[in-house]
Amino acid sequence: MPEDPQTDVPVLAPSPPDSSDRIDVLILEDDAESRAALKAWLQHHNLAVREAGSLAEAQQLIAERQPDLALLD
């Protein structure tokens, strides 16, 4: 692991984007504009994002694959 030469503290470097290594986030938000903004921010930070506009849609997505994190409105 690389170290900061000034402090000798290990420096964590971001890993390359690999969908199998990314955290899977499910957004449940009924407001499409808010959902889109949150999705864009999370994707910018290299998270895999799935989105649902209703509880029924979220339940279907969870049945397909359980997310690592769910953000609920």
N, C-alpha and C. Protein backbone atom coordinates (compact mmCIF):
# COMPACT_ATOMS: atom_id res chain seq x y z
N MET A 1 0.85 -1.17 0.00
CA MET A 1 0.00 0.00 0.00
C MET A 1 0.90 1.23 0.00
N PRO A 2 0.63 2.20 -0.89
CA PRO A 2 1.47 3.41 -0.91
C PRO A 2 1.30 4.23 0.36
N GLU A 3 2.35 4.94 0.71
CA GLU A 3 2.32 5.79 1.90
C GLU A 3 2.57 7.23 1.52
N ASP A 4 2.01 8.15 2.30
CA ASP A 4 2.27 9.56 2.13
C ASP A 4 3.69 9.80 2.62
N PRO A 5 4.60 10.31 1.77
CA PRO A 5 6.00 10.46 2.19
C PRO A 5 6.20 11.43 3.34
N GLN A 6 5.27 12.35 3.56
CA GLN A 6 5.43 13.31 4.64
C GLN A 6 4.98 12.77 5.99
N THR A 7 4.06 11.82 5.98
CA THR A 7 3.52 11.34 7.25
C THR A 7 3.71 9.84 7.47
N ASP A 8 4.13 9.11 6.46
CA ASP A 8 4.26 7.65 6.51
C ASP A 8 2.94 6.96 6.81
N VAL A 9 1.84 7.63 6.48
CA VAL A 9 0.52 7.06 6.69
C VAL A 9 0.08 6.40 5.38
N PRO A 10 -0.44 5.18 5.45
CA PRO A 10 -0.92 4.53 4.22
C PRO A 10 -2.00 5.36 3.54
N VAL A 11 -1.93 5.42 2.23
CA VAL A 11 -2.88 6.18 1.43
C VAL A 11 -3.71 5.17 0.63
N LEU A 12 -5.02 5.26 0.77
CA LEU A 12 -5.90 4.38 0.00
C LEU A 12 -6.22 5.04 -1.32
N ALA A 13 -5.94 4.34 -2.39
CA ALA A 13 -6.25 4.85 -3.72
C ALA A 13 -7.55 4.21 -4.18
N PRO A 14 -8.38 4.97 -4.89
CA PRO A 14 -9.62 4.37 -5.37
C PRO A 14 -9.33 3.25 -6.35
N SER A 15 -10.10 2.21 -6.26
CA SER A 15 -9.92 1.10 -7.20
C SER A 15 -10.61 1.45 -8.50
N PRO A 16 -10.16 0.85 -9.59
CA PRO A 16 -10.81 1.13 -10.88
C PRO A 16 -12.26 0.67 -10.86
N PRO A 17 -13.09 1.35 -11.63
CA PRO A 17 -14.51 0.97 -11.62
C PRO A 17 -14.72 -0.44 -12.17
N ASP A 18 -15.21 -1.30 -11.35
CA ASP A 18 -15.54 -2.67 -11.73
C ASP A 18 -16.89 -2.94 -11.09
N SER A 19 -17.89 -3.21 -11.91
CA SER A 19 -19.25 -3.33 -11.39
C SER A 19 -19.38 -4.38 -10.31
N SER A 20 -18.53 -5.40 -10.31
CA SER A 20 -18.63 -6.43 -9.28
C SER A 20 -18.11 -5.94 -7.94
N ASP A 21 -17.27 -4.91 -7.93
CA ASP A 21 -16.69 -4.39 -6.70
C ASP A 21 -17.43 -3.17 -6.15
N ARG A 22 -18.31 -2.60 -6.95
CA ARG A 22 -18.99 -1.38 -6.53
C ARG A 22 -20.12 -1.68 -5.57
N ILE A 23 -20.38 -0.75 -4.68
CA ILE A 23 -21.50 -0.86 -3.75
C ILE A 23 -22.79 -0.66 -4.53
N ASP A 24 -23.74 -1.55 -4.33
CA ASP A 24 -25.03 -1.50 -5.02
C ASP A 24 -26.03 -0.75 -4.14
N VAL A 25 -26.51 0.39 -4.63
CA VAL A 25 -27.43 1.25 -3.88
C VAL A 25 -28.79 1.24 -4.58
N LEU A 26 -29.83 1.07 -3.78
CA LEU A 26 -31.19 1.18 -4.28
C LEU A 26 -31.80 2.46 -3.72
N ILE A 27 -32.29 3.32 -4.62
CA ILE A 27 -32.95 4.56 -4.23
C ILE A 27 -34.45 4.35 -4.36
N LEU A 28 -35.19 4.58 -3.29
CA LEU A 28 -36.65 4.58 -3.34
C LEU A 28 -37.11 6.01 -3.06
N GLU A 29 -37.54 6.68 -4.11
CA GLU A 29 -37.93 8.09 -4.02
C GLU A 29 -39.04 8.33 -5.05
N ASP A 30 -40.18 8.82 -4.60
CA ASP A 30 -41.30 9.04 -5.52
C ASP A 30 -41.14 10.29 -6.38
N ASP A 31 -40.32 11.22 -5.96
CA ASP A 31 -40.10 12.44 -6.74
C ASP A 31 -38.99 12.19 -7.77
N ALA A 32 -39.36 12.19 -9.05
CA ALA A 32 -38.43 11.84 -10.11
C ALA A 32 -37.21 12.77 -10.17
N GLU A 33 -37.43 14.06 -9.93
CA GLU A 33 -36.32 15.01 -10.00
C GLU A 33 -35.31 14.76 -8.87
N SER A 34 -35.81 14.53 -7.68
CA SER A 34 -34.92 14.23 -6.54
C SER A 34 -34.18 12.92 -6.77
N ARG A 35 -34.91 11.93 -7.27
CA ARG A 35 -34.31 10.62 -7.55
C ARG A 35 -33.18 10.74 -8.58
N ALA A 36 -33.41 11.50 -9.62
CA ALA A 36 -32.40 11.66 -10.67
C ALA A 36 -31.16 12.38 -10.15
N ALA A 37 -31.36 13.40 -9.31
CA ALA A 37 -30.22 14.15 -8.76
C ALA A 37 -29.39 13.25 -7.84
N LEU A 38 -30.06 12.49 -7.00
CA LEU A 38 -29.35 11.60 -6.09
C LEU A 38 -28.62 10.50 -6.87
N LYS A 39 -29.28 9.96 -7.88
CA LYS A 39 -28.65 8.93 -8.71
C LYS A 39 -27.39 9.46 -9.38
N ALA A 40 -27.45 10.66 -9.94
CA ALA A 40 -26.29 11.25 -10.61
C ALA A 40 -25.14 11.45 -9.63
N TRP A 41 -25.45 11.92 -8.43
CA TRP A 41 -24.41 12.15 -7.42
C TRP A 41 -23.75 10.83 -7.01
N LEU A 42 -24.56 9.81 -6.77
CA LEU A 42 -24.02 8.52 -6.36
C LEU A 42 -23.18 7.88 -7.47
N GLN A 43 -23.64 7.96 -8.71
CA GLN A 43 -22.88 7.41 -9.83
C GLN A 43 -21.57 8.16 -10.03
N HIS A 44 -21.59 9.46 -9.79
CA HIS A 44 -20.36 10.25 -9.89
C HIS A 44 -19.32 9.74 -8.90
N HIS A 45 -19.79 9.20 -7.78
CA HIS A 45 -18.89 8.65 -6.75
C HIS A 45 -18.70 7.14 -6.91
N ASN A 46 -18.93 6.65 -8.13
CA ASN A 46 -18.63 5.28 -8.53
C ASN A 46 -19.46 4.22 -7.79
N LEU A 47 -20.69 4.54 -7.46
CA LEU A 47 -21.58 3.54 -6.87
C LEU A 47 -22.52 3.02 -7.94
N ALA A 48 -22.86 1.75 -7.86
CA ALA A 48 -23.85 1.17 -8.77
C ALA A 48 -25.23 1.52 -8.22
N VAL A 49 -26.07 2.11 -9.04
CA VAL A 49 -27.34 2.64 -8.55
C VAL A 49 -28.51 2.03 -9.31
N ARG A 50 -29.50 1.58 -8.54
CA ARG A 50 -30.79 1.18 -9.09
C ARG A 50 -31.82 2.09 -8.44
N GLU A 51 -32.90 2.35 -9.14
CA GLU A 51 -33.88 3.31 -8.63
C GLU A 51 -35.29 2.78 -8.76
N ALA A 52 -36.12 3.20 -7.82
CA ALA A 52 -37.53 2.84 -7.82
C ALA A 52 -38.34 4.06 -7.43
N GLY A 53 -39.48 4.22 -8.10
CA GLY A 53 -40.36 5.33 -7.80
C GLY A 53 -41.52 4.94 -6.91
N SER A 54 -41.62 3.63 -6.60
CA SER A 54 -42.72 3.15 -5.75
C SER A 54 -42.23 1.97 -4.93
N LEU A 55 -42.98 1.65 -3.89
CA LEU A 55 -42.64 0.51 -3.04
C LEU A 55 -42.71 -0.79 -3.84
N ALA A 56 -43.72 -0.94 -4.69
CA ALA A 56 -43.85 -2.15 -5.50
C ALA A 56 -42.64 -2.35 -6.41
N GLU A 57 -42.20 -1.26 -7.01
CA GLU A 57 -41.02 -1.32 -7.89
C GLU A 57 -39.77 -1.67 -7.09
N ALA A 58 -39.62 -1.10 -5.90
CA ALA A 58 -38.48 -1.41 -5.05
C ALA A 58 -38.49 -2.87 -4.62
N GLN A 59 -39.66 -3.39 -4.26
CA GLN A 59 -39.76 -4.79 -3.86
C GLN A 59 -39.34 -5.72 -4.99
N GLN A 60 -39.71 -5.37 -6.21
CA GLN A 60 -39.33 -6.18 -7.37
C GLN A 60 -37.81 -6.17 -7.56
N LEU A 61 -37.20 -4.99 -7.44
CA LEU A 61 -35.75 -4.87 -7.60
C LEU A 61 -35.02 -5.63 -6.49
N ILE A 62 -35.53 -5.56 -5.26
CA ILE A 62 -34.91 -6.28 -4.15
C ILE A 62 -35.03 -7.78 -4.35
N ALA A 63 -36.17 -8.24 -4.90
CA ALA A 63 -36.35 -9.67 -5.16
C ALA A 63 -35.33 -10.16 -6.20
N GLU A 64 -34.98 -9.30 -7.15
CA GLU A 64 -34.00 -9.66 -8.17
C GLU A 64 -32.60 -9.72 -7.59
N ARG A 65 -32.27 -8.76 -6.77
CA ARG A 65 -30.93 -8.70 -6.14
C ARG A 65 -30.99 -7.76 -4.95
N GLN A 66 -30.58 -8.25 -3.80
CA GLN A 66 -30.62 -7.43 -2.59
C GLN A 66 -29.51 -6.38 -2.65
N PRO A 67 -29.85 -5.10 -2.45
CA PRO A 67 -28.84 -4.05 -2.50
C PRO A 67 -27.95 -4.06 -1.25
N ASP A 68 -26.78 -3.44 -1.38
CA ASP A 68 -25.91 -3.26 -0.22
C ASP A 68 -26.45 -2.16 0.68
N LEU A 69 -27.12 -1.19 0.06
CA LEU A 69 -27.64 -0.03 0.77
C LEU A 69 -28.94 0.42 0.10
N ALA A 70 -29.93 0.75 0.91
CA ALA A 70 -31.18 1.29 0.37
C ALA A 70 -31.39 2.68 0.97
N LEU A 71 -31.68 3.65 0.10
CA LEU A 71 -31.99 5.02 0.53
C LEU A 71 -33.47 5.22 0.32
N LEU A 72 -34.17 5.50 1.41
CA LEU A 72 -35.63 5.60 1.36
C LEU A 72 -36.09 7.02 1.66
N ASP A 73 -37.15 7.41 0.96
CA ASP A 73 -37.79 8.69 1.21
C ASP A 73 -38.86 8.48 2.25
